[in-house]
């Protein structure tokens, strides 16, 4: 492999890591490529290549800074969360009061409870576009774009939103992702041309087949959860937790940060951090009652 091919390979690998949310690994590969470029004075277009890679590194640094700036989710008791809902529910109409209570929970950083409230309102077909936008906003407030996209895909496949409603919601989500400079792709609506691309990950994406979570704090400190990945969307992986481990599922609150995750793929394994991004319960089928937990994988620094 020539020096130029080696540099190109490193940049491609760094781009792949970046697309998967593995920011520290991405920065490391970019830095290796930059060192090779700067060390080869005979390389064609050397100055422009240096500038291009340095720009990529700055973008990764900006994203890392944004991730670190996300405030820690306050852990409030169920009693206090109920008090928040009641204190900010002013309407005499039960449905509107529920909407006000859910919005209050979101304002206080109680995103898991807020999402559950909004999901309940969505099942009642109460202002579906507004309710769906609030759910997506909760995920985006936690800087979890893949969780928002996964939620949109679920609505499309389950037909919980009408086609016209889906179109409005997709436009809202796409605009939010553009503002956040997110470079993934939104799924298309059935029978329509996709927005940008119908696939979120390409054939060269880093497939994670299993994860091993080591708990480092709280009631489960020292415990290890090793489980297969049942699906993956970009850096978002989904795993099952048996119904009998409801205590563990309850502790994995949306927004909770996991400091030590070992990720396995068909070709390698690596250590990472993660954040609990979505949570749901299987309602039908042989795994009814089990939990599905989505975790966004972040590179370990």
C-alpha atoms as a PDB file:
ATOM      1  CA  UNK A   1       0.000   0.000   0.000  1.00  0.00           C
ATOM      2  CA  UNK A   2       1.406   3.380  -1.021  1.00  0.00           C
ATOM      3  CA  UNK A   3       1.591   6.343   1.368  1.00  0.00           C
ATOM      4  CA  UNK A   4      -1.304   8.040  -0.417  1.00  0.00           C
ATOM      5  CA  UNK A   5      -3.449   4.902  -0.235  1.00  0.00           C
ATOM      6  CA  UNK A   6      -2.639   4.572   3.465  1.00  0.00           C
ATOM      7  CA  UNK A   7      -3.751   8.166   4.100  1.00  0.00           C
ATOM      8  CA  UNK A   8      -6.962   7.643   2.138  1.00  0.00           C
ATOM      9  CA  UNK A   9      -7.683   4.440   4.049  1.00  0.00           C
ATOM     10  CA  UNK A  10      -7.234   6.208   7.393  1.00  0.00           C
ATOM     11  CA  UNK A  11      -9.522   9.054   6.388  1.00  0.00           C
ATOM     12  CA  UNK A  12     -12.204   6.623   5.205  1.00  0.00           C
ATOM     13  CA  UNK A  13     -11.922   4.689   8.445  1.00  0.00           C
ATOM     14  CA  UNK A  14     -12.177   7.929  10.424  1.00  0.00           C
ATOM     15  CA  UNK A  15     -15.259   8.971   8.431  1.00  0.00           C
ATOM     16  CA  UNK A  16     -16.854   5.606   9.202  1.00  0.00           C
ATOM     17  CA  UNK A  17     -16.159   5.920  12.935  1.00  0.00           C
ATOM     18  CA  UNK A  18     -17.558   9.459  12.880  1.00  0.00           C
ATOM     19  CA  UNK A  19     -20.749   8.323  11.148  1.00  0.00           C
ATOM     20  CA  UNK A  20     -21.167   5.671  13.866  1.00  0.00           C
ATOM     21  CA  UNK A  21     -20.748   8.244  16.656  1.00  0.00           C
ATOM     22  CA  UNK A  22     -17.341   6.853  17.696  1.00  0.00           C
ATOM     23  CA  UNK A  23     -15.851  10.314  17.933  1.00  0.00           C
ATOM     24  CA  UNK A  24     -12.646   9.598  19.825  1.00  0.00           C
ATOM     25  CA  UNK A  25     -11.715   6.759  17.481  1.00  0.00           C
ATOM     26  CA  UNK A  26     -12.520   9.013  14.534  1.00  0.00           C
ATOM     27  CA  UNK A  27     -10.279  11.774  15.831  1.00  0.00           C
ATOM     28  CA  UNK A  28      -7.462   9.273  16.383  1.00  0.00           C
ATOM     29  CA  UNK A  29      -7.614   8.073  12.760  1.00  0.00           C
ATOM     30  CA  UNK A  30      -7.779  11.624  11.416  1.00  0.00           C
ATOM     31  CA  UNK A  31      -4.746  12.518  13.536  1.00  0.00           C
ATOM     32  CA  UNK A  32      -2.801   9.541  12.155  1.00  0.00           C
ATOM     33  CA  UNK A  33      -3.657  10.626   8.604  1.00  0.00           C
ATOM     34  CA  UNK A  34      -2.646  14.212   9.377  1.00  0.00           C
ATOM     35  CA  UNK A  35       0.722  13.082  10.741  1.00  0.00           C
ATOM     36  CA  UNK A  36       1.420  11.106   7.557  1.00  0.00           C
ATOM     37  CA  UNK A  37       0.430  14.051   5.355  1.00  0.00           C
ATOM     38  CA  UNK A  38       2.556  16.545   7.279  1.00  0.00           C
ATOM     39  CA  UNK A  39       5.502  14.160   7.246  1.00  0.00           C
ATOM     40  CA  UNK A  40       5.519  13.729   3.467  1.00  0.00           C
ATOM     41  CA  UNK A  41       6.810  16.935   1.851  1.00  0.00           C
ATOM     42  CA  UNK A  42       6.572  15.399  -1.646  1.00  0.00           C
ATOM     43  CA  UNK A  43       2.879  14.580  -1.368  1.00  0.00           C
ATOM     44  CA  UNK A  44       0.726  16.212  -4.064  1.00  0.00           C
ATOM     45  CA  UNK A  45      -1.704  18.877  -2.815  1.00  0.00           C
ATOM     46  CA  UNK A  46      -0.185  18.511   0.624  1.00  0.00           C
ATOM     47  CA  UNK A  47      -1.360  21.887   1.993  1.00  0.00           C
ATOM     48  CA  UNK A  48      -4.966  21.402   0.897  1.00  0.00           C
ATOM     49  CA  UNK A  49      -5.013  17.883   2.371  1.00  0.00           C
ATOM     50  CA  UNK A  50      -3.687  19.209   5.689  1.00  0.00           C
ATOM     51  CA  UNK A  51      -6.406  21.877   5.755  1.00  0.00           C
ATOM     52  CA  UNK A  52      -9.130  19.351   4.877  1.00  0.00           C
ATOM     53  CA  UNK A  53      -8.147  16.878   7.613  1.00  0.00           C
ATOM     54  CA  UNK A  54      -7.692  19.647  10.183  1.00  0.00           C
ATOM     55  CA  UNK A  55     -11.233  20.825   9.380  1.00  0.00           C
ATOM     56  CA  UNK A  56     -12.545  17.296   9.991  1.00  0.00           C
ATOM     57  CA  UNK A  57     -10.729  17.166  13.349  1.00  0.00           C
ATOM     58  CA  UNK A  58     -12.242  20.517  14.374  1.00  0.00           C
ATOM     59  CA  UNK A  59     -15.723  19.225  13.527  1.00  0.00           C
ATOM     60  CA  UNK A  60     -15.155  16.149  15.696  1.00  0.00           C
ATOM     61  CA  UNK A  61     -13.872  18.335  18.555  1.00  0.00           C
ATOM     62  CA  UNK A  62     -16.978  20.522  18.290  1.00  0.00           C
ATOM     63  CA  UNK A  63     -19.251  17.476  18.492  1.00  0.00           C
ATOM     64  CA  UNK A  64     -17.309  16.097  21.468  1.00  0.00           C
ATOM     65  CA  UNK A  65     -17.695  19.446  23.235  1.00  0.00           C
ATOM     66  CA  UNK A  66     -21.450  19.415  22.559  1.00  0.00           C
ATOM     67  CA  UNK A  67     -21.767  15.905  23.988  1.00  0.00           C
ATOM     68  CA  UNK A  68     -19.880  16.882  27.155  1.00  0.00           C
ATOM     69  CA  UNK A  69     -22.046  19.996  27.545  1.00  0.00           C
ATOM     70  CA  UNK A  70     -25.277  17.988  27.769  1.00  0.00           C
ATOM     71  CA  UNK A  71     -26.492  18.358  31.370  1.00  0.00           C
ATOM     72  CA  UNK A  72     -26.809  15.269  33.538  1.00  0.00           C
ATOM     73  CA  UNK A  73     -30.411  14.114  33.860  1.00  0.00           C
ATOM     74  CA  UNK A  74     -31.674  14.856  37.388  1.00  0.00           C
ATOM     75  CA  UNK A  75     -32.831  11.712  39.186  1.00  0.00           C
ATOM     76  CA  UNK A  76     -36.152  12.658  40.769  1.00  0.00           C
ATOM     77  CA  UNK A  77     -38.392  10.440  42.851  1.00  0.00           C
ATOM     78  CA  UNK A  78     -41.724   9.221  41.400  1.00  0.00           C
ATOM     79  CA  UNK A  79     -43.522  11.387  43.958  1.00  0.00           C
ATOM     80  CA  UNK A  80     -41.694  14.516  42.819  1.00  0.00           C
ATOM     81  CA  UNK A  81     -42.317  13.706  39.150  1.00  0.00           C
ATOM     82  CA  UNK A  82     -46.053  13.342  39.864  1.00  0.00           C
ATOM     83  CA  UNK A  83     -45.976  16.676  41.703  1.00  0.00           C
ATOM     84  CA  UNK A  84     -44.400  18.336  38.660  1.00  0.00           C
ATOM     85  CA  UNK A  85     -47.119  16.938  36.393  1.00  0.00           C
ATOM     86  CA  UNK A  86     -49.923  18.099  38.669  1.00  0.00           C
ATOM     87  CA  UNK A  87     -48.405  21.512  39.357  1.00  0.00           C
ATOM     88  CA  UNK A  88     -48.180  22.406  35.667  1.00  0.00           C
ATOM     89  CA  UNK A  89     -51.451  20.870  34.478  1.00  0.00           C
ATOM     90  CA  UNK A  90     -53.888  23.781  34.392  1.00  0.00           C
ATOM     91  CA  UNK A  91     -56.494  22.730  31.842  1.00  0.00           C
ATOM     92  CA  UNK A  92     -59.828  21.275  32.895  1.00  0.00           C
ATOM     93  CA  UNK A  93     -59.720  18.960  29.878  1.00  0.00           C
ATOM     94  CA  UNK A  94     -58.016  15.714  30.873  1.00  0.00           C
ATOM     95  CA  UNK A  95     -56.172  15.241  27.570  1.00  0.00           C
ATOM     96  CA  UNK A  96     -54.837  18.803  27.449  1.00  0.00           C
ATOM     97  CA  UNK A  97     -53.862  18.603  31.119  1.00  0.00           C
ATOM     98  CA  UNK A  98     -51.914  15.429  30.314  1.00  0.00           C
ATOM     99  CA  UNK A  99     -50.126  17.295  27.512  1.00  0.00           C
ATOM    100  CA  UNK A 100     -49.237  20.127  29.900  1.00  0.00           C
ATOM    101  CA  UNK A 101     -47.945  17.637  32.468  1.00  0.00           C
ATOM    102  CA  UNK A 102     -45.782  15.859  29.890  1.00  0.00           C
ATOM    103  CA  UNK A 103     -44.308  19.161  28.727  1.00  0.00           C
ATOM    104  CA  UNK A 104     -43.509  20.062  32.337  1.00  0.00           C
ATOM    105  CA  UNK A 105     -41.673  16.757  32.822  1.00  0.00           C
ATOM    106  CA  UNK A 106     -39.599  17.467  29.708  1.00  0.00           C
ATOM    107  CA  UNK A 107     -38.718  20.952  30.958  1.00  0.00           C
ATOM    108  CA  UNK A 108     -37.423  19.423  34.191  1.00  0.00           C
ATOM    109  CA  UNK A 109     -35.293  16.918  32.256  1.00  0.00           C
ATOM    110  CA  UNK A 110     -37.514  13.916  33.008  1.00  0.00           C
ATOM    111  CA  UNK A 111     -37.461  12.799  29.394  1.00  0.00           C
ATOM    112  CA  UNK A 112     -38.330   9.136  29.904  1.00  0.00           C
ATOM    113  CA  UNK A 113     -41.549   9.949  31.761  1.00  0.00           C
ATOM    114  CA  UNK A 114     -42.349  12.753  29.311  1.00  0.00           C
ATOM    115  CA  UNK A 115     -41.938  10.403  26.328  1.00  0.00           C
ATOM    116  CA  UNK A 116     -44.144   7.786  28.000  1.00  0.00           C
ATOM    117  CA  UNK A 117     -46.840  10.422  28.585  1.00  0.00           C
ATOM    118  CA  UNK A 118     -46.633  11.628  24.985  1.00  0.00           C
ATOM    119  CA  UNK A 119     -46.761   8.053  23.682  1.00  0.00           C
ATOM    120  CA  UNK A 120     -49.962   7.504  25.647  1.00  0.00           C
ATOM    121  CA  UNK A 121     -51.479  10.643  24.139  1.00  0.00           C
ATOM    122  CA  UNK A 122     -50.433   9.498  20.679  1.00  0.00           C
ATOM    123  CA  UNK A 123     -52.331   6.223  21.181  1.00  0.00           C
ATOM    124  CA  UNK A 124     -55.406   8.355  21.929  1.00  0.00           C
ATOM    125  CA  UNK A 125     -54.830  10.211  18.631  1.00  0.00           C
ATOM    126  CA  UNK A 126     -54.605  13.518  20.500  1.00  0.00           C
ATOM    127  CA  UNK A 127     -52.986  16.157  18.272  1.00  0.00           C
ATOM    128  CA  UNK A 128     -50.765  13.485  16.681  1.00  0.00           C
ATOM    129  CA  UNK A 129     -48.443  15.840  14.802  1.00  0.00           C
ATOM    130  CA  UNK A 130     -47.845  18.030  17.849  1.00  0.00           C
ATOM    131  CA  UNK A 131     -47.421  15.030  20.145  1.00  0.00           C
ATOM    132  CA  UNK A 132     -44.990  13.307  17.753  1.00  0.00           C
ATOM    133  CA  UNK A 133     -42.938  16.510  17.463  1.00  0.00           C
ATOM    134  CA  UNK A 134     -42.684  16.673  21.261  1.00  0.00           C
ATOM    135  CA  UNK A 135     -41.433  13.071  21.407  1.00  0.00           C
ATOM    136  CA  UNK A 136     -38.752  13.773  18.789  1.00  0.00           C
ATOM    137  CA  UNK A 137     -37.789  16.989  20.585  1.00  0.00           C
ATOM    138  CA  UNK A 138     -37.159  14.993  23.772  1.00  0.00           C
ATOM    139  CA  UNK A 139     -34.707  12.720  21.954  1.00  0.00           C
ATOM    140  CA  UNK A 140     -33.016  15.634  20.201  1.00  0.00           C
ATOM    141  CA  UNK A 141     -32.716  17.537  23.498  1.00  0.00           C
ATOM    142  CA  UNK A 142     -30.563  14.629  24.674  1.00  0.00           C
ATOM    143  CA  UNK A 143     -28.505  14.821  21.451  1.00  0.00           C
ATOM    144  CA  UNK A 144     -29.829  11.412  20.349  1.00  0.00           C
ATOM    145  CA  UNK A 145     -30.548  11.835  16.625  1.00  0.00           C
ATOM    146  CA  UNK A 146     -30.547   8.117  15.863  1.00  0.00           C
ATOM    147  CA  UNK A 147     -33.141   7.549  18.596  1.00  0.00           C
ATOM    148  CA  UNK A 148     -35.353  10.160  16.943  1.00  0.00           C
ATOM    149  CA  UNK A 149     -34.887   8.500  13.545  1.00  0.00           C
ATOM    150  CA  UNK A 150     -35.611   5.052  15.005  1.00  0.00           C
ATOM    151  CA  UNK A 151     -38.801   6.433  16.537  1.00  0.00           C
ATOM    152  CA  UNK A 152     -39.856   7.848  13.170  1.00  0.00           C
ATOM    153  CA  UNK A 153     -39.185   4.464  11.518  1.00  0.00           C
ATOM    154  CA  UNK A 154     -41.340   2.761  14.153  1.00  0.00           C
ATOM    155  CA  UNK A 155     -44.245   5.105  13.444  1.00  0.00           C
ATOM    156  CA  UNK A 156     -43.927   4.401   9.742  1.00  0.00           C
ATOM    157  CA  UNK A 157     -43.865   0.609  10.105  1.00  0.00           C
ATOM    158  CA  UNK A 158     -46.552   0.410  12.794  1.00  0.00           C
ATOM    159  CA  UNK A 159     -48.877   2.910  11.069  1.00  0.00           C
ATOM    160  CA  UNK A 160     -49.464   4.699  14.378  1.00  0.00           C
ATOM    161  CA  UNK A 161     -49.367   7.946  12.413  1.00  0.00           C
ATOM    162  CA  UNK A 162     -51.344   8.641   9.281  1.00  0.00           C
ATOM    163  CA  UNK A 163     -49.369   9.057   6.089  1.00  0.00           C
ATOM    164  CA  UNK A 164     -50.033  12.794   5.889  1.00  0.00           C
ATOM    165  CA  UNK A 165     -49.040  13.217   9.538  1.00  0.00           C
ATOM    166  CA  UNK A 166     -45.841  11.262   8.889  1.00  0.00           C
ATOM    167  CA  UNK A 167     -44.955  13.658   6.091  1.00  0.00           C
ATOM    168  CA  UNK A 168     -45.238  16.697   8.376  1.00  0.00           C
ATOM    169  CA  UNK A 169     -43.311  14.955  11.155  1.00  0.00           C
ATOM    170  CA  UNK A 170     -40.546  13.912   8.768  1.00  0.00           C
ATOM    171  CA  UNK A 171     -40.176  17.489   7.532  1.00  0.00           C
ATOM    172  CA  UNK A 172     -39.862  18.672  11.135  1.00  0.00           C
ATOM    173  CA  UNK A 173     -37.272  16.018  11.974  1.00  0.00           C
ATOM    174  CA  UNK A 174     -35.263  16.691   8.836  1.00  0.00           C
ATOM    175  CA  UNK A 175     -35.130  20.409   9.611  1.00  0.00           C
ATOM    176  CA  UNK A 176     -33.959  19.709  13.173  1.00  0.00           C
ATOM    177  CA  UNK A 177     -31.253  17.335  11.939  1.00  0.00           C
ATOM    178  CA  UNK A 178     -30.048  19.901   9.404  1.00  0.00           C
ATOM    179  CA  UNK A 179     -29.716  22.529  12.148  1.00  0.00           C
ATOM    180  CA  UNK A 180     -27.698  20.033  14.197  1.00  0.00           C
ATOM    181  CA  UNK A 181     -25.446  19.326  11.171  1.00  0.00           C
ATOM    182  CA  UNK A 182     -26.385  15.645  11.354  1.00  0.00           C
ATOM    183  CA  UNK A 183     -25.095  13.745   8.318  1.00  0.00           C
ATOM    184  CA  UNK A 184     -27.175  10.582   8.512  1.00  0.00           C
ATOM    185  CA  UNK A 185     -30.207   9.909   6.349  1.00  0.00           C
ATOM    186  CA  UNK A 186     -33.917   9.823   6.997  1.00  0.00           C
ATOM    187  CA  UNK A 187     -35.981   6.834   5.845  1.00  0.00           C
ATOM    188  CA  UNK A 188     -38.418   7.401   2.999  1.00  0.00           C
ATOM    189  CA  UNK A 189     -42.154   7.073   3.172  1.00  0.00           C
ATOM    190  CA  UNK A 190     -43.464   3.961   1.454  1.00  0.00           C
ATOM    191  CA  UNK A 191     -43.805   4.528  -2.286  1.00  0.00           C
ATOM    192  CA  UNK A 192     -41.899   7.816  -2.275  1.00  0.00           C
ATOM    193  CA  UNK A 193     -38.421   8.774  -3.294  1.00  0.00           C
ATOM    194  CA  UNK A 194     -36.209   8.794  -0.177  1.00  0.00           C
ATOM    195  CA  UNK A 195     -34.967  11.996   1.357  1.00  0.00           C
ATOM    196  CA  UNK A 196     -31.240  11.897   0.506  1.00  0.00           C
ATOM    197  CA  UNK A 197     -31.040   8.120   0.950  1.00  0.00           C
ATOM    198  CA  UNK A 198     -33.311   5.313   2.103  1.00  0.00           C
ATOM    199  CA  UNK A 199     -30.485   3.818   4.139  1.00  0.00           C
ATOM    200  CA  UNK A 200     -29.054   5.258   7.314  1.00  0.00           C
ATOM    201  CA  UNK A 201     -25.941   3.133   7.187  1.00  0.00           C
ATOM    202  CA  UNK A 202     -24.049   1.908   4.166  1.00  0.00           C
ATOM    203  CA  UNK A 203     -22.727  -1.536   3.390  1.00  0.00           C
ATOM    204  CA  UNK A 204     -19.421  -0.549   4.999  1.00  0.00           C
ATOM    205  CA  UNK A 205     -20.968   0.338   8.356  1.00  0.00           C
ATOM    206  CA  UNK A 206     -19.463  -1.097  11.505  1.00  0.00           C
ATOM    207  CA  UNK A 207     -21.945  -3.788  12.542  1.00  0.00           C
ATOM    208  CA  UNK A 208     -22.057  -4.486  16.280  1.00  0.00           C
ATOM    209  CA  UNK A 209     -23.262  -7.999  17.060  1.00  0.00           C
ATOM    210  CA  UNK A 210     -23.138  -7.963  20.874  1.00  0.00           C
ATOM    211  CA  UNK A 211     -22.349  -5.643  23.778  1.00  0.00           C
ATOM    212  CA  UNK A 212     -21.120  -6.176  27.313  1.00  0.00           C
ATOM    213  CA  UNK A 213     -22.119  -3.436  29.768  1.00  0.00           C
ATOM    214  CA  UNK A 214     -20.132  -3.076  32.988  1.00  0.00           C
ATOM    215  CA  UNK A 215     -22.052  -1.063  35.566  1.00  0.00           C
ATOM    216  CA  UNK A 216     -19.796   1.256  37.550  1.00  0.00           C
ATOM    217  CA  UNK A 217     -22.253   3.041  39.836  1.00  0.00           C
ATOM    218  CA  UNK A 218     -25.605   2.776  41.549  1.00  0.00           C
ATOM    219  CA  UNK A 219     -27.411  -0.310  42.807  1.00  0.00           C
ATOM    220  CA  UNK A 220     -25.955  -2.493  40.021  1.00  0.00           C
ATOM    221  CA  UNK A 221     -22.333  -1.394  40.428  1.00  0.00           C
ATOM    222  CA  UNK A 222     -20.062  -4.346  39.633  1.00  0.00           C
ATOM    223  CA  UNK A 223     -22.733  -6.222  37.672  1.00  0.00           C
ATOM    224  CA  UNK A 224     -22.196  -7.148  34.015  1.00  0.00           C
ATOM    225  CA  UNK A 225     -24.857  -7.447  31.314  1.00  0.00           C
ATOM    226  CA  UNK A 226     -23.790  -9.277  28.152  1.00  0.00           C
ATOM    227  CA  UNK A 227     -26.358  -9.546  25.380  1.00  0.00           C
ATOM    228  CA  UNK A 228     -26.719  -9.860  21.617  1.00  0.00           C
ATOM    229  CA  UNK A 229     -27.688  -6.852  19.533  1.00  0.00           C
ATOM    230  CA  UNK A 230     -31.080  -7.420  17.884  1.00  0.00           C
ATOM    231  CA  UNK A 231     -30.922  -4.417  15.537  1.00  0.00           C
ATOM    232  CA  UNK A 232     -28.728  -1.439  14.742  1.00  0.00           C
ATOM    233  CA  UNK A 233     -29.344   1.987  13.260  1.00  0.00           C
ATOM    234  CA  UNK A 234     -26.088   3.899  12.870  1.00  0.00           C
ATOM    235  CA  UNK A 235     -24.600   4.165  16.355  1.00  0.00           C
ATOM    236  CA  UNK A 236     -27.897   3.105  17.985  1.00  0.00           C
ATOM    237  CA  UNK A 237     -28.033  -0.573  19.021  1.00  0.00           C
ATOM    238  CA  UNK A 238     -31.059  -2.398  20.438  1.00  0.00           C
ATOM    239  CA  UNK A 239     -30.934  -5.228  22.993  1.00  0.00           C
ATOM    240  CA  UNK A 240     -33.457  -7.358  24.874  1.00  0.00           C
ATOM    241  CA  UNK A 241     -33.706  -7.480  28.653  1.00  0.00           C
ATOM    242  CA  UNK A 242     -35.909 -10.302  30.044  1.00  0.00           C
ATOM    243  CA  UNK A 243     -39.083  -9.375  31.893  1.00  0.00           C
ATOM    244  CA  UNK A 244     -37.651 -10.960  35.061  1.00  0.00           C
ATOM    245  CA  UNK A 245     -34.970  -8.232  35.065  1.00  0.00           C
ATOM    246  CA  UNK A 246     -37.450  -5.393  35.333  1.00  0.00           C
ATOM    247  CA  UNK A 247     -35.311  -3.949  38.126  1.00  0.00           C
ATOM    248  CA  UNK A 248     -32.385  -3.598  35.735  1.00  0.00           C
ATOM    249  CA  UNK A 249     -34.570  -2.185  32.951  1.00  0.00           C
ATOM    250  CA  UNK A 250     -35.946   0.362  35.407  1.00  0.00           C
ATOM    251  CA  UNK A 251     -32.448   1.498  36.307  1.00  0.00           C
ATOM    252  CA  UNK A 252     -31.577   2.001  32.618  1.00  0.00           C
ATOM    253  CA  UNK A 253     -33.409   5.312  32.342  1.00  0.00           C
ATOM    254  CA  UNK A 254     -33.417   7.291  29.099  1.00  0.00           C
ATOM    255  CA  UNK A 255     -30.456   9.654  29.242  1.00  0.00           C
ATOM    256  CA  UNK A 256     -28.427   7.478  31.614  1.00  0.00           C
ATOM    257  CA  UNK A 257     -24.734   7.355  30.681  1.00  0.00           C
ATOM    258  CA  UNK A 258     -22.902   4.024  30.629  1.00  0.00           C
ATOM    259  CA  UNK A 259     -19.154   4.426  31.065  1.00  0.00           C
ATOM    260  CA  UNK A 260     -17.902   0.970  30.095  1.00  0.00           C
ATOM    261  CA  UNK A 261     -19.349  -0.941  27.155  1.00  0.00           C
ATOM    262  CA  UNK A 262     -17.431  -3.615  25.278  1.00  0.00           C
ATOM    263  CA  UNK A 263     -18.667  -3.841  21.690  1.00  0.00           C
ATOM    264  CA  UNK A 264     -18.164  -6.911  19.520  1.00  0.00           C
ATOM    265  CA  UNK A 265     -18.320  -7.053  15.726  1.00  0.00           C
ATOM    266  CA  UNK A 266     -17.424  -9.787  13.283  1.00  0.00           C
ATOM    267  CA  UNK A 267     -13.911  -8.387  12.823  1.00  0.00           C
ATOM    268  CA  UNK A 268     -12.984  -6.604  16.046  1.00  0.00           C
ATOM    269  CA  UNK A 269     -14.013  -5.473  19.511  1.00  0.00           C
ATOM    270  CA  UNK A 270     -13.536  -2.141  21.258  1.00  0.00           C
ATOM    271  CA  UNK A 271     -14.383  -0.311  24.466  1.00  0.00           C
ATOM    272  CA  UNK A 272     -16.899   2.515  24.331  1.00  0.00           C
ATOM    273  CA  UNK A 273     -19.247   4.654  26.360  1.00  0.00           C
ATOM    274  CA  UNK A 274     -22.955   4.910  25.704  1.00  0.00           C
ATOM    275  CA  UNK A 275     -26.201   6.578  26.609  1.00  0.00           C
ATOM    276  CA  UNK A 276     -29.590   4.906  27.077  1.00  0.00           C
ATOM    277  CA  UNK A 277     -31.627   6.351  24.218  1.00  0.00           C
ATOM    278  CA  UNK A 278     -34.997   4.595  24.068  1.00  0.00           C
ATOM    279  CA  UNK A 279     -36.949   2.061  26.064  1.00  0.00           C
ATOM    280  CA  UNK A 280     -40.050   0.042  25.261  1.00  0.00           C
ATOM    281  CA  UNK A 281     -41.826  -3.152  26.257  1.00  0.00           C
ATOM    282  CA  UNK A 282     -42.636  -5.982  23.863  1.00  0.00           C
ATOM    283  CA  UNK A 283     -46.454  -6.091  23.675  1.00  0.00           C
ATOM    284  CA  UNK A 284     -47.051  -9.247  21.610  1.00  0.00           C
ATOM    285  CA  UNK A 285     -45.259 -12.452  20.626  1.00  0.00           C
ATOM    286  CA  UNK A 286     -43.096 -14.959  22.496  1.00  0.00           C
ATOM    287  CA  UNK A 287     -41.066 -12.202  24.182  1.00  0.00           C
ATOM    288  CA  UNK A 288     -44.109 -10.325  25.437  1.00  0.00           C
ATOM    289  CA  UNK A 289     -43.233  -8.455  28.625  1.00  0.00           C
ATOM    290  CA  UNK A 290     -39.519  -8.236  27.797  1.00  0.00           C
ATOM    291  CA  UNK A 291     -37.879  -4.851  27.469  1.00  0.00           C
ATOM    292  CA  UNK A 292     -36.133  -3.408  24.424  1.00  0.00           C
ATOM    293  CA  UNK A 293     -33.389  -0.981  25.367  1.00  0.00           C
ATOM    294  CA  UNK A 294     -31.693   1.213  22.765  1.00  0.00           C
ATOM    295  CA  UNK A 295     -28.180   2.451  23.502  1.00  0.00           C
ATOM    296  CA  UNK A 296     -26.287   5.057  21.489  1.00  0.00           C
ATOM    297  CA  UNK A 297     -22.640   4.017  21.348  1.00  0.00           C
ATOM    298  CA  UNK A 298     -20.041   6.755  21.844  1.00  0.00           C
ATOM    299  CA  UNK A 299     -16.297   6.268  21.453  1.00  0.00           C
ATOM    300  CA  UNK A 300     -14.217   5.965  24.612  1.00  0.00           C
ATOM    301  CA  UNK A 301     -11.688   8.736  25.126  1.00  0.00           C
END
